[in-house]
Amino acid sequence: MTENNQDPLKETPKADLPESDESPSTPSETNSDNGRFAAFWERVRNLGMSGTVTRFGTSVITIAVVVVAAVALGRIYLNNTNQPPETATLPTENTPSEAGTSTDVDEIVLPAFIMPDTAFFYGSNGISREAIPDTEVPARSRSDVTYYEVLQGESVFTIADKFGLEPETILWGNYETLQDNPRFLAVGQVLTILPTNGIYYKYSTGESLSSIAKNFGVTVEDIIEYPGNNLDPYETNPEDPAIADGTWLIVPGGTRELQDWGPPAISRSNPAVAKYYGAGYCGEIYSGPVGDGYFIWPAVSTLISGYHYSPGIHEAIDIGGVEGSPIYASDSGVVVYSGWSDYGYGNLVVVDHGNGWQTAYAHMLYTGVVCGQGVYRGDTIGALGNTGNSTGPHLHFEMNSSIYGKVNPLDYVSGG
């Protein structure tokens, strides 16, 4: 047997393996890190700041997550928008189509979209829409009557203007209340307001529509065909309309004479003609000064207020002023009425000038003259007031001529 021979079955020692570049942390290093964190956290707890640190850490982590997400989404958006637009292409003759065929059409690029220059697109140079917060409701015609309560300071004229009507229509629509006298208008009255200019007429059994139409200057068709009257144009007989007694009819466009309730023409030779007018009438025949036809302004104030001159409705002027201020005789003459009027004029003075002219002064606070007294131009005959049917201190001043009737004083009086 040969010495020092090795046993072939004896395992030879394994070669040492090369060391790795990254060796795992040893348990001692891990335990050391955990120990430092535990010591730090223990100090935080001892200081009573664990809750504050936890909330602060949570907030920092949340903000970091939001920032990271925003950055990521921003990059995705920029990548998508920076990509060049894809052009639509069609297969050429050298490029087989999906079906294995080819075409002779060249490559086609779709044109860019251009905003049409039209008024119907926002931002164009067309018609713009202005933002108006207020809405105006258009006035619509009506065919039925309505009702209105008179307010302080209103007149027949202002109410007519409010409803787009003529002043006469206000009187014609309310004869039972006003009796054609605008001075009978009073606060709180409820007036009938017609839908159109015309007459409001109370029908009586036995009347024909033909006669009604003739009296008010319209045609039968005007009455029958007006919607507010609710008459059947095909069934209504103009001579026997079968309308219930007391039915109110609207006569569109109808007119009639207004009854004059103003002071009558009172001459010194017949002052008793005004007996019906009120307690101020004078019953004897008088003589005295005669005017020369030159008229002066009868009040201190020259302000025209309330009613202006309107033929057939208000044939006078209203002069505003301070209550108690003097009223002057416009020309020389004799007093033929002095006292209260029963027709809305309150304290009234009428002077006959002996030459065909009379002047009337109404709504006075008091009268300073008596029946038969002679007065001269410029004499004080009373004080400006607010008596009778009046909505404020003023003088109602009328001029009546035996030739011209009741005229507009502004055409004859100087000094106003």
Protein backbone atom coordinates (compact mmCIF):
# COMPACT_ATOMS: atom_id res chain seq x y z
CA MET A 1 0.00 0.00 0.00
CA THR A 2 1.32 3.38 -1.00
CA GLU A 3 1.60 5.93 1.80
CA ASN A 4 -0.14 9.21 1.84
CA ASN A 5 -2.66 8.13 -0.85
CA GLN A 6 -5.92 9.99 -0.47
CA ASP A 7 -9.15 8.18 -0.24
CA PRO A 8 -11.04 8.80 -3.46
CA LEU A 9 -14.35 8.80 -1.60
CA LYS A 10 -13.14 11.50 0.79
CA GLU A 11 -14.95 14.84 0.02
CA THR A 12 -12.64 17.64 -0.96
CA PRO A 13 -13.23 21.03 0.76
CA LYS A 14 -15.50 23.49 -1.10
CA ALA A 15 -13.96 26.65 -2.45
CA ASP A 16 -14.93 29.88 -0.70
CA LEU A 17 -17.73 31.77 -2.56
CA PRO A 18 -17.04 35.40 -3.63
CA GLU A 19 -18.60 38.08 -1.42
CA SER A 20 -21.63 40.02 -2.77
CA ASP A 21 -21.47 43.80 -3.36
CA GLU A 22 -24.63 44.35 -1.22
CA SER A 23 -24.48 42.50 2.00
CA PRO A 24 -27.73 42.32 4.08
CA SER A 25 -27.99 44.41 7.21
CA THR A 26 -27.02 42.63 10.27
CA PRO A 27 -29.56 42.16 13.06
CA SER A 28 -27.46 44.40 15.27
CA GLU A 29 -27.76 47.35 12.78
CA THR A 30 -31.55 46.91 12.49
CA ASN A 31 -31.96 46.72 16.22
CA SER A 32 -29.84 49.86 16.57
CA ASP A 33 -32.12 51.88 14.18
CA ASN A 34 -35.26 50.70 15.92
CA GLY A 35 -33.77 51.58 19.26
CA ARG A 36 -32.98 55.14 18.19
CA PHE A 37 -36.54 55.68 16.81
CA ALA A 38 -38.04 54.18 19.99
CA ALA A 39 -35.91 56.48 22.13
CA PHE A 40 -36.93 59.50 19.99
CA TRP A 41 -40.63 58.63 20.19
CA GLU A 42 -40.33 58.06 23.96
CA ARG A 43 -38.91 61.57 24.37
CA VAL A 44 -41.77 62.98 22.25
CA ARG A 45 -44.32 61.22 24.40
CA ASN A 46 -42.69 62.42 27.58
CA LEU A 47 -42.97 65.99 26.28
CA GLY A 48 -46.68 65.45 25.55
CA MET A 49 -46.27 66.21 21.82
CA SER A 50 -47.17 62.86 20.32
CA GLY A 51 -50.57 64.07 19.07
CA THR A 52 -49.13 67.21 17.50
CA VAL A 53 -46.34 65.31 15.77
CA THR A 54 -48.83 62.72 14.47
CA ARG A 55 -51.14 65.35 12.99
CA PHE A 56 -48.24 67.26 11.45
CA GLY A 57 -46.80 64.13 9.91
CA THR A 58 -50.17 63.13 8.49
CA SER A 59 -50.62 66.58 6.91
CA VAL A 60 -47.15 66.50 5.37
CA ILE A 61 -47.76 63.05 3.89
CA THR A 62 -51.17 64.12 2.45
CA ILE A 63 -49.72 67.22 0.82
CA ALA A 64 -46.88 65.21 -0.65
CA VAL A 65 -49.30 62.70 -2.17
CA VAL A 66 -51.42 65.50 -3.71
CA VAL A 67 -48.35 67.22 -5.18
CA VAL A 68 -47.07 63.99 -6.69
CA ALA A 69 -50.48 63.21 -8.21
CA ALA A 70 -50.79 66.72 -9.67
CA VAL A 71 -47.35 66.55 -11.22
CA ALA A 72 -48.10 63.17 -12.75
CA LEU A 73 -51.43 64.30 -14.23
CA GLY A 74 -49.83 67.45 -15.60
CA ARG A 75 -47.16 65.47 -17.41
CA ILE A 76 -49.80 63.16 -18.91
CA TYR A 77 -51.82 66.18 -20.13
CA LEU A 78 -48.77 67.88 -21.66
CA ASN A 79 -47.72 64.72 -23.42
CA ASN A 80 -51.17 64.37 -24.97
CA THR A 81 -51.47 67.99 -26.09
CA ASN A 82 -47.93 68.13 -27.56
CA GLN A 83 -48.61 65.21 -29.86
CA PRO A 84 -48.98 66.37 -33.50
CA PRO A 85 -52.48 65.87 -34.91
CA GLU A 86 -52.88 62.68 -36.80
CA THR A 87 -53.73 63.09 -40.43
CA ALA A 88 -56.38 61.00 -41.95
CA THR A 89 -54.94 58.91 -44.74
CA LEU A 90 -56.39 56.60 -47.25
CA PRO A 91 -54.54 53.60 -48.64
CA THR A 92 -52.57 54.22 -51.85
CA GLU A 93 -52.06 51.89 -54.77
CA ASN A 94 -48.78 50.67 -53.30
CA THR A 95 -50.28 50.04 -49.83
CA PRO A 96 -52.56 47.06 -49.55
CA SER A 97 -55.78 47.72 -47.70
CA GLU A 98 -57.05 45.54 -44.89
CA ALA A 99 -59.22 43.76 -47.41
CA GLY A 100 -56.20 43.05 -49.59
CA THR A 101 -57.18 45.58 -52.28
CA SER A 102 -55.64 48.91 -53.27
CA THR A 103 -56.95 52.36 -54.38
CA ASP A 104 -55.70 55.20 -56.57
CA VAL A 105 -56.60 57.96 -54.00
CA ASP A 106 -53.64 60.04 -52.75
CA GLU A 107 -53.16 60.92 -49.08
CA ILE A 108 -55.83 63.44 -47.82
CA VAL A 109 -55.34 65.92 -44.95
CA LEU A 110 -58.57 67.30 -43.41
CA PRO A 111 -58.66 71.15 -43.19
CA ALA A 112 -58.63 72.89 -39.82
CA PHE A 113 -62.05 74.03 -38.43
CA ILE A 114 -62.69 77.78 -38.80
CA MET A 115 -65.27 79.57 -36.60
CA PRO A 116 -68.00 80.97 -38.90
CA ASP A 117 -68.29 84.76 -38.92
CA THR A 118 -72.01 84.96 -38.14
CA ALA A 119 -74.21 86.73 -35.63
CA PHE A 120 -75.30 83.41 -34.19
CA PHE A 121 -71.90 82.55 -32.73
CA TYR A 122 -70.71 84.00 -29.46
CA GLY A 123 -67.69 86.24 -29.84
CA SER A 124 -68.31 87.08 -33.49
CA ASN A 125 -68.78 90.57 -34.86
CA GLY A 126 -72.47 90.01 -35.40
CA ILE A 127 -75.42 91.12 -33.29
CA SER A 128 -74.63 90.95 -29.60
CA ARG A 129 -77.23 90.23 -26.93
CA GLU A 130 -77.37 92.90 -24.27
CA ALA A 131 -78.13 91.82 -20.72
CA ILE A 132 -81.09 93.91 -19.56
CA PRO A 133 -82.33 92.98 -16.09
CA ASP A 134 -85.63 94.84 -16.42
CA THR A 135 -88.52 93.26 -18.27
CA GLU A 136 -91.05 95.50 -19.95
CA VAL A 137 -94.48 93.95 -20.31
CA PRO A 138 -96.15 95.36 -23.42
CA ALA A 139 -99.47 97.09 -22.90
CA ARG A 140 -102.28 94.88 -24.14
CA SER A 141 -105.63 96.15 -25.34
CA ARG A 142 -108.65 95.28 -23.26
CA SER A 143 -112.32 95.16 -24.16
CA ASP A 144 -113.96 95.14 -20.71
CA VAL A 145 -114.45 97.94 -18.22
CA THR A 146 -112.27 98.20 -15.13
CA TYR A 147 -112.62 100.17 -11.91
CA TYR A 148 -110.38 102.75 -10.28
CA GLU A 149 -110.40 104.46 -6.88
CA VAL A 150 -109.65 108.19 -6.95
CA LEU A 151 -106.54 109.24 -5.03
CA GLN A 152 -105.67 112.50 -3.31
CA GLY A 153 -104.68 115.25 -5.75
CA GLU A 154 -106.07 113.54 -8.86
CA SER A 155 -108.31 115.13 -11.45
CA VAL A 156 -110.35 113.97 -14.41
CA PHE A 157 -107.39 114.92 -16.60
CA THR A 158 -104.73 112.97 -14.68
CA ILE A 159 -106.94 109.86 -14.48
CA ALA A 160 -107.63 110.06 -18.21
CA ASP A 161 -103.90 110.31 -18.93
CA LYS A 162 -103.21 107.31 -16.70
CA PHE A 163 -105.48 105.10 -18.83
CA GLY A 164 -104.79 106.67 -22.21
CA LEU A 165 -108.31 108.09 -22.54
CA GLU A 166 -109.88 111.47 -23.24
CA PRO A 167 -111.17 113.39 -20.18
CA GLU A 168 -114.67 113.35 -21.67
CA THR A 169 -114.64 109.53 -21.59
CA ILE A 170 -114.10 109.61 -17.82
CA LEU A 171 -117.17 111.84 -17.49
CA TRP A 172 -119.25 109.87 -20.01
CA GLY A 173 -118.42 106.63 -18.26
CA ASN A 174 -119.47 107.92 -14.84
CA TYR A 175 -122.49 110.17 -15.34
CA GLU A 176 -124.35 108.77 -12.33
CA THR A 177 -121.39 109.71 -10.12
CA LEU A 178 -120.03 112.90 -11.71
CA GLN A 179 -123.03 114.15 -13.74
CA ASP A 180 -120.64 115.65 -16.29
CA ASN A 181 -119.13 117.87 -13.59
CA PRO A 182 -115.39 117.35 -13.02
CA ARG A 183 -115.79 119.24 -9.74
CA PHE A 184 -117.79 116.33 -8.34
CA LEU A 185 -114.68 114.15 -8.39
CA ALA A 186 -113.73 113.19 -4.83
CA VAL A 187 -111.08 111.09 -3.12
CA GLY A 188 -112.25 107.51 -2.56
CA GLN A 189 -114.76 107.45 -5.40
CA VAL A 190 -114.69 104.30 -7.51
CA LEU A 191 -114.87 105.18 -11.19
CA THR A 192 -115.75 103.04 -14.16
CA ILE A 193 -112.89 103.11 -16.67
CA LEU A 194 -113.88 102.25 -20.23
CA PRO A 195 -111.46 100.26 -22.37
CA THR A 196 -111.68 102.79 -25.19
CA ASN A 197 -112.89 106.32 -25.79
CA GLY A 198 -116.65 106.51 -26.00
CA ILE A 199 -119.90 106.36 -24.04
CA TYR A 200 -121.04 103.99 -21.30
CA TYR A 201 -124.81 103.64 -21.81
CA LYS A 202 -127.45 101.93 -19.68
CA TYR A 203 -129.89 100.10 -21.92
CA SER A 204 -133.65 100.26 -21.30
CA THR A 205 -136.14 97.67 -22.53
CA GLY A 206 -137.72 98.63 -25.83
CA GLU A 207 -134.81 100.69 -27.16
CA SER A 208 -133.28 99.88 -30.52
CA LEU A 209 -129.56 99.79 -31.11
CA SER A 210 -130.15 101.88 -34.22
CA SER A 211 -131.46 104.82 -32.20
CA ILE A 212 -128.65 104.54 -29.65
CA ALA A 213 -126.04 104.51 -32.39
CA LYS A 214 -127.61 107.54 -34.06
CA ASN A 215 -127.73 109.53 -30.80
CA PHE A 216 -124.02 109.02 -30.19
CA GLY A 217 -122.80 109.36 -33.77
CA VAL A 218 -121.69 105.77 -34.44
CA THR A 219 -122.95 102.82 -36.49
CA VAL A 220 -124.96 99.86 -35.23
CA GLU A 221 -122.06 97.59 -36.16
CA ASP A 222 -119.76 99.58 -33.85
CA ILE A 223 -121.93 98.57 -30.89
CA ILE A 224 -122.80 95.00 -31.90
CA GLU A 225 -119.30 93.98 -32.96
CA TYR A 226 -117.49 95.44 -29.95
CA PRO A 227 -116.19 92.44 -27.93
CA GLY A 228 -116.92 94.03 -24.56
CA ASN A 229 -120.66 94.05 -25.27
CA ASN A 230 -120.82 90.25 -25.76
CA LEU A 231 -123.39 90.51 -28.56
CA ASP A 232 -123.64 87.95 -31.35
CA PRO A 233 -123.28 89.83 -34.67
CA TYR A 234 -125.28 87.11 -36.46
CA GLU A 235 -128.13 86.79 -33.97
CA THR A 236 -128.62 90.37 -32.65
CA ASN A 237 -131.49 92.27 -34.25
CA PRO A 238 -130.65 96.03 -34.15
CA GLU A 239 -134.33 96.92 -33.83
CA ASP A 240 -135.16 94.32 -31.20
CA PRO A 241 -131.84 93.26 -29.66
CA ALA A 242 -133.35 91.27 -26.77
CA ILE A 243 -130.93 92.86 -24.30
CA ALA A 244 -131.79 92.66 -20.60
CA ASP A 245 -133.08 95.88 -19.04
CA GLY A 246 -130.32 97.78 -17.24
CA THR A 247 -127.47 96.24 -19.23
CA TRP A 248 -124.52 98.60 -19.66
CA LEU A 249 -123.27 98.94 -23.24
CA ILE A 250 -119.97 100.34 -24.43
CA VAL A 251 -120.46 102.70 -27.37
CA PRO A 252 -116.92 102.90 -28.83
CA GLY A 253 -116.21 106.27 -30.42
CA GLY A 254 -119.53 107.70 -29.22
CA THR A 255 -119.81 111.38 -28.27
CA ARG A 256 -122.41 113.75 -26.84
CA GLU A 257 -122.62 117.25 -25.40
CA LEU A 258 -121.46 117.64 -21.82
CA GLN A 259 -123.80 119.34 -19.41
CA ASP A 260 -122.37 122.65 -18.20
CA TRP A 261 -122.52 122.83 -14.42
CA GLY A 262 -120.37 125.93 -14.16
CA PRO A 263 -121.76 129.25 -12.93
CA PRO A 264 -124.44 130.45 -15.35
CA ALA A 265 -124.25 133.79 -17.09
CA ILE A 266 -125.56 136.09 -14.37
CA SER A 267 -126.33 139.64 -15.39
CA ARG A 268 -127.10 142.55 -13.09
CA SER A 269 -130.50 142.75 -14.77
CA ASN A 270 -131.42 139.17 -13.85
CA PRO A 271 -129.27 137.88 -10.97
CA ALA A 272 -132.09 135.60 -9.79
CA VAL A 273 -131.23 133.22 -12.67
CA ALA A 274 -128.66 131.65 -10.32
CA LYS A 275 -131.19 130.85 -7.59
CA TYR A 276 -130.84 127.09 -8.19
CA TYR A 277 -127.07 127.38 -7.93
CA GLY A 278 -126.78 127.92 -4.20
CA ALA A 279 -127.23 130.22 -1.24
CA GLY A 280 -125.02 132.95 -2.72
CA TYR A 281 -127.48 134.03 -5.40
CA CYS A 282 -128.72 137.61 -5.49
CA GLY A 283 -132.40 138.33 -6.16
CA GLU A 284 -132.59 142.01 -7.01
CA ILE A 285 -131.69 144.18 -9.99
CA TYR A 286 -128.54 146.22 -9.47
CA SER A 287 -126.71 149.07 -11.11
CA GLY A 288 -123.13 150.14 -10.67
CA PRO A 289 -119.66 150.36 -12.27
CA VAL A 290 -119.13 149.13 -15.83
CA GLY A 291 -115.89 147.57 -16.99
CA ASP A 292 -113.89 148.68 -20.00
CA GLY A 293 -112.92 145.17 -21.14
CA TYR A 294 -109.37 145.33 -19.87
CA PHE A 295 -108.78 142.40 -17.47
CA ILE A 296 -105.95 141.99 -14.98
CA TRP A 297 -104.57 138.85 -13.33
CA PRO A 298 -106.86 138.08 -10.34
CA ALA A 299 -104.37 136.53 -7.88
CA VAL A 300 -100.96 137.08 -6.33
CA SER A 301 -99.58 133.81 -7.68
CA THR A 302 -99.20 133.21 -11.41
CA LEU A 303 -98.86 129.43 -11.08
CA ILE A 304 -101.30 127.37 -13.16
CA SER A 305 -102.02 124.18 -11.23
CA GLY A 306 -104.49 121.33 -11.50
CA TYR A 307 -106.93 121.94 -14.33
CA HIS A 308 -106.08 123.90 -17.45
CA TYR A 309 -108.64 125.30 -19.86
CA SER A 310 -110.45 122.51 -21.71
CA PRO A 311 -113.52 123.30 -23.84
CA GLY A 312 -116.64 121.50 -22.65
CA ILE A 313 -114.93 120.04 -19.58
CA HIS A 314 -113.11 122.74 -17.65
CA GLU A 315 -113.68 126.09 -19.26
CA ALA A 316 -111.52 127.99 -16.81
CA ILE A 317 -108.03 127.99 -15.36
CA ASP A 318 -106.88 127.00 -11.87
CA ILE A 319 -104.37 129.36 -10.28
CA GLY A 320 -102.41 127.85 -7.41
CA GLY A 321 -101.25 129.87 -4.43
CA VAL A 322 -101.10 130.29 -0.70
CA GLU A 323 -104.37 129.87 1.15
CA GLY A 324 -105.59 133.25 2.44
CA SER A 325 -103.78 135.33 -0.19
CA PRO A 326 -105.96 138.09 -1.77
CA ILE A 327 -108.19 137.69 -4.82
CA TYR A 328 -108.73 140.77 -7.00
CA ALA A 329 -111.59 141.85 -9.28
CA SER A 330 -110.25 141.42 -12.80
CA ASP A 331 -112.29 144.39 -14.06
CA SER A 332 -114.87 146.83 -12.71
CA GLY A 333 -118.50 145.71 -12.26
CA VAL A 334 -121.27 144.65 -9.85
CA VAL A 335 -121.36 141.55 -7.62
CA VAL A 336 -124.25 139.32 -8.73
CA TYR A 337 -123.36 136.19 -6.73
CA SER A 338 -121.52 135.92 -3.43
CA GLY A 339 -121.60 132.88 -1.19
CA TRP A 340 -121.75 129.12 -1.22
CA SER A 341 -122.19 127.08 -4.44
CA ASP A 342 -123.92 123.70 -4.42
CA TYR A 343 -122.03 122.44 -7.50
CA GLY A 344 -118.56 121.90 -6.10
CA TYR A 345 -117.21 125.45 -6.32
CA GLY A 346 -117.33 126.24 -2.61
CA ASN A 347 -117.34 129.96 -1.83
CA LEU A 348 -118.02 131.74 -5.12
CA VAL A 349 -118.12 135.34 -6.34
CA VAL A 350 -119.48 136.34 -9.76
CA VAL A 351 -119.00 139.88 -11.07
CA ASP A 352 -121.07 141.26 -13.95
CA HIS A 353 -119.07 143.90 -15.83
CA GLY A 354 -122.07 145.49 -17.60
CA ASN A 355 -120.58 145.05 -21.10
CA GLY A 356 -121.47 141.43 -21.85
CA TRP A 357 -118.70 139.95 -19.69
CA GLN A 358 -118.88 138.13 -16.34
CA THR A 359 -116.00 136.75 -14.31
CA ALA A 360 -116.28 134.01 -11.65
CA TYR A 361 -113.92 133.31 -8.72
CA ALA A 362 -114.38 129.93 -7.00
CA HIS A 363 -113.05 127.87 -4.03
CA MET A 364 -112.32 131.03 -2.04
CA LEU A 365 -111.54 130.79 1.65
CA TYR A 366 -114.14 133.51 2.19
CA THR A 367 -115.94 136.13 0.14
CA GLY A 368 -115.23 139.77 0.98
CA VAL A 369 -118.08 141.33 -0.98
CA VAL A 370 -121.90 141.17 -0.93
CA CYS A 371 -124.67 141.09 -3.49
CA GLY A 372 -125.10 144.35 -5.44
CA GLN A 373 -121.76 145.78 -4.32
CA GLY A 374 -119.88 147.77 -6.93
CA VAL A 375 -116.21 146.85 -7.33
CA TYR A 376 -113.37 148.30 -9.36
CA ARG A 377 -110.48 146.68 -11.17
CA GLY A 378 -107.95 145.52 -8.59
CA ASP A 379 -110.27 145.62 -5.56
CA THR A 380 -109.90 142.72 -3.13
CA ILE A 381 -113.06 140.58 -3.25
CA GLY A 382 -111.98 137.60 -1.09
CA ALA A 383 -109.17 135.20 -0.27
CA LEU A 384 -107.72 132.18 -2.07
CA GLY A 385 -108.96 128.96 -0.50
CA ASN A 386 -109.66 125.26 -0.77
CA THR A 387 -113.44 125.06 -0.33
CA GLY A 388 -115.88 122.87 -2.24
CA ASN A 389 -114.62 119.96 -4.31
CA SER A 390 -110.99 120.97 -4.31
CA THR A 391 -107.77 119.00 -3.91
CA GLY A 392 -105.64 121.95 -2.77
CA PRO A 393 -105.58 125.73 -2.37
CA HIS A 394 -106.26 127.44 -5.69
CA LEU A 395 -108.50 129.90 -7.50
CA HIS A 396 -110.85 128.64 -10.20
CA PHE A 397 -111.16 131.61 -12.57
CA GLU A 398 -113.76 131.74 -15.37
CA MET A 399 -114.57 134.34 -18.03
CA ASN A 400 -117.95 134.29 -19.80
CA SER A 401 -118.83 136.45 -22.80
CA SER A 402 -122.33 136.98 -24.17
CA ILE A 403 -120.76 136.70 -27.64
CA TYR A 404 -117.97 134.10 -27.29
CA GLY A 405 -119.22 132.04 -24.37
CA LYS A 406 -116.71 130.70 -21.84
CA VAL A 407 -113.25 131.50 -23.11
CA ASN A 408 -109.70 130.72 -22.09
CA PRO A 409 -108.74 133.49 -19.63
CA LEU A 410 -105.10 133.26 -20.75
CA ASP A 411 -106.20 134.78 -24.06
CA TYR A 412 -107.76 137.85 -22.44
CA VAL A 413 -106.06 138.59 -19.11
CA SER A 414 -102.83 140.54 -18.78
CA GLY A 415 -100.29 140.41 -16.00
CA GLY A 416 -100.29 136.58 -15.57
